[in-house]
Protein backbone atom coordinates (compact mmCIF):
# COMPACT_ATOMS: atom_id res chain seq x y z
CA UNK A 1 6.20 13.22 -1.86
CA UNK A 2 6.64 9.85 -0.16
CA UNK A 3 2.89 9.50 0.39
CA UNK A 4 2.18 10.57 -3.20
CA UNK A 5 4.61 8.01 -4.59
CA UNK A 6 3.05 5.26 -2.45
CA UNK A 7 -0.43 6.24 -3.67
CA UNK A 8 0.82 6.18 -7.27
CA UNK A 9 2.20 2.66 -6.71
CA UNK A 10 -1.14 1.55 -5.28
CA UNK A 11 -3.02 2.97 -8.27
CA UNK A 12 -0.50 1.33 -10.60
CA UNK A 13 -1.17 -1.97 -8.79
CA UNK A 14 -4.87 -1.66 -9.56
CA UNK A 15 -4.11 -0.97 -13.23
CA UNK A 16 -1.52 -3.75 -13.53
CA UNK A 17 -4.06 -6.23 -12.15
CA UNK A 18 -6.45 -5.27 -14.95
CA UNK A 19 -3.72 -5.49 -17.58
CA UNK A 20 -2.41 -8.92 -16.58
CA UNK A 21 -5.59 -10.63 -15.37
CA UNK A 22 -6.13 -12.52 -18.66
CA UNK A 23 -2.59 -13.90 -18.39
CA UNK A 24 -3.35 -15.36 -14.95
CA UNK A 25 -0.95 -12.97 -13.23
CA UNK A 26 -2.24 -11.63 -9.93
CA UNK A 27 -1.11 -8.26 -8.63
CA UNK A 28 -2.00 -6.96 -5.17
CA UNK A 29 -0.66 -4.39 -2.72
CA UNK A 30 -0.08 -4.78 0.97
CA UNK A 31 -0.62 -1.67 3.06
CA UNK A 32 1.31 -1.67 6.33
CA UNK A 33 1.38 1.67 8.13
CA UNK A 34 4.82 1.27 9.64
CA UNK A 35 7.60 -1.05 10.62
CA UNK A 36 9.09 -0.96 14.08
CA UNK A 37 12.57 0.49 13.99
CA UNK A 38 15.31 -0.79 16.29
CA UNK A 39 16.34 1.43 19.18
CA UNK A 40 19.88 1.54 17.75
CA UNK A 41 18.54 2.96 14.50
CA UNK A 42 16.33 5.46 16.35
CA UNK A 43 19.36 6.71 18.32
CA UNK A 44 21.13 7.54 15.03
CA UNK A 45 18.26 9.75 13.80
CA UNK A 46 17.99 13.50 14.10
CA UNK A 47 15.89 14.68 17.03
CA UNK A 48 12.82 15.45 14.90
CA UNK A 49 12.76 11.98 13.31
CA UNK A 50 13.63 10.31 16.61
CA UNK A 51 10.54 11.85 18.26
CA UNK A 52 8.32 10.79 15.34
CA UNK A 53 9.74 7.24 15.44
CA UNK A 54 9.18 6.96 19.19
CA UNK A 55 5.56 8.15 18.84
CA UNK A 56 4.89 5.62 16.05
CA UNK A 57 6.82 2.80 17.74
CA UNK A 58 3.94 1.26 19.74
CA UNK A 59 1.69 1.24 16.65
CA UNK A 60 4.23 -0.25 14.24
CA UNK A 61 4.73 -3.90 13.35
CA UNK A 62 7.85 -5.93 13.97
CA UNK A 63 9.65 -6.92 10.73
CA UNK A 64 8.77 -10.59 11.40
CA UNK A 65 5.07 -9.68 11.61
CA UNK A 66 5.28 -7.95 8.24
CA UNK A 67 7.01 -11.01 6.81
CA UNK A 68 4.18 -13.15 8.20
CA UNK A 69 1.66 -10.93 6.38
CA UNK A 70 3.50 -11.33 3.07
CA UNK A 71 3.86 -15.07 3.58
CA UNK A 72 0.18 -15.53 4.41
CA UNK A 73 -1.00 -13.48 1.45
CA UNK A 74 1.24 -15.32 -1.01
CA UNK A 75 0.54 -18.84 0.27
CA UNK A 76 -3.02 -18.75 1.59
CA UNK A 77 -5.90 -20.27 -0.34
CA UNK A 78 -7.90 -17.21 0.76
CA UNK A 79 -5.90 -14.99 -1.63
CA UNK A 80 -5.15 -17.49 -4.40
CA UNK A 81 -7.64 -15.90 -6.81
CA UNK A 82 -7.46 -12.33 -5.53
CA UNK A 83 -6.07 -9.63 -7.81
CA UNK A 84 -6.21 -5.84 -7.95
CA UNK A 85 -6.69 -5.40 -4.23
CA UNK A 86 -5.04 -3.64 -1.33
CA UNK A 87 -4.60 -5.87 1.71
CA UNK A 88 -4.00 -4.52 5.21
CA UNK A 89 -1.87 -5.78 8.10
CA UNK A 90 -4.80 -7.89 9.33
CA UNK A 91 -4.86 -9.78 6.01
CA UNK A 92 -8.14 -8.11 5.03
CA UNK A 93 -9.02 -6.67 1.65
CA UNK A 94 -9.33 -2.92 2.02
CA UNK A 95 -12.41 -1.12 0.71
CA UNK A 96 -13.04 2.21 -1.03
CA UNK A 97 -13.65 4.93 1.56
CA UNK A 98 -17.23 6.10 2.03
CA UNK A 99 -18.53 9.64 1.95
CA UNK A 100 -18.79 9.81 5.73
CA UNK A 101 -18.17 13.09 7.49
CA UNK A 102 -16.84 14.00 10.92
CA UNK A 103 -16.03 11.21 13.36
CA UNK A 104 -16.94 8.50 10.82
CA UNK A 105 -14.30 9.86 8.42
CA UNK A 106 -11.65 9.95 11.17
CA UNK A 107 -12.53 6.36 12.12
CA UNK A 108 -12.02 5.29 8.49
CA UNK A 109 -8.64 7.02 8.27
CA UNK A 110 -7.19 5.41 11.39
CA UNK A 111 -8.65 1.93 10.82
CA UNK A 112 -6.45 1.11 7.81
CA UNK A 113 -9.40 -0.68 6.23
CA UNK A 114 -10.16 1.89 3.54
CA UNK A 115 -8.53 3.32 0.41
CA UNK A 116 -9.47 6.81 -0.88
CA UNK A 117 -12.07 6.49 -3.65
CA UNK A 118 -9.98 8.51 -6.10
CA UNK A 119 -7.47 5.63 -6.21
CA UNK A 120 -10.01 3.62 -8.20
CA UNK A 121 -10.59 6.32 -10.84
CA UNK A 122 -10.18 5.03 -14.40
CA UNK A 123 -8.58 8.24 -15.72
CA UNK A 124 -6.00 8.31 -12.95
CA UNK A 125 -5.16 4.61 -13.37
CA UNK A 126 -4.72 5.11 -17.10
CA UNK A 127 -2.52 8.20 -16.67
CA UNK A 128 -0.21 6.47 -14.19
CA UNK A 129 -0.08 3.40 -16.46
CA UNK A 130 0.94 5.58 -19.40
CA UNK A 131 3.61 7.36 -17.36
CA UNK A 132 5.06 4.09 -16.09
CA UNK A 133 5.19 2.66 -19.61
CA UNK A 134 6.92 5.80 -20.88
CA UNK A 135 9.58 5.32 -18.22
CA UNK A 136 10.07 1.68 -19.20
CA UNK A 137 10.34 2.57 -22.90
CA UNK A 138 12.82 5.37 -22.13
CA UNK A 139 14.91 2.96 -20.06
CA UNK A 140 14.91 0.27 -22.75
CA UNK A 141 15.96 2.70 -25.47
CA UNK A 142 19.17 3.68 -23.62
């Protein structure tokens, strides 16, 4: 469910960028696969989550590195006119995944340079946009 909600937010980002482009509002997503958790926090986790956190630990970014990514993206001239994109931890715009099979597909998945093609689907973007607007209207009417 966590992964599904993150994908929905990414798709909503793409749709919001379309909606607000004419107003000069830029909307992008940053995709960072994980943040490094402190050893104190890891010690407080259940065994199952502790093992997962320790496996991911060497591949995760320090919180300051994530902050540097956000700072660069929001202040850099490189991204000043960019909207409707997903940006990875290397400050690169991510691309739609190809139709590669086998090893090529695995390479795409672990590179964090590609977004599944379905995330760009017009019907899906519209459906998530409608659902998000329903939630906002419901909230405002209370």
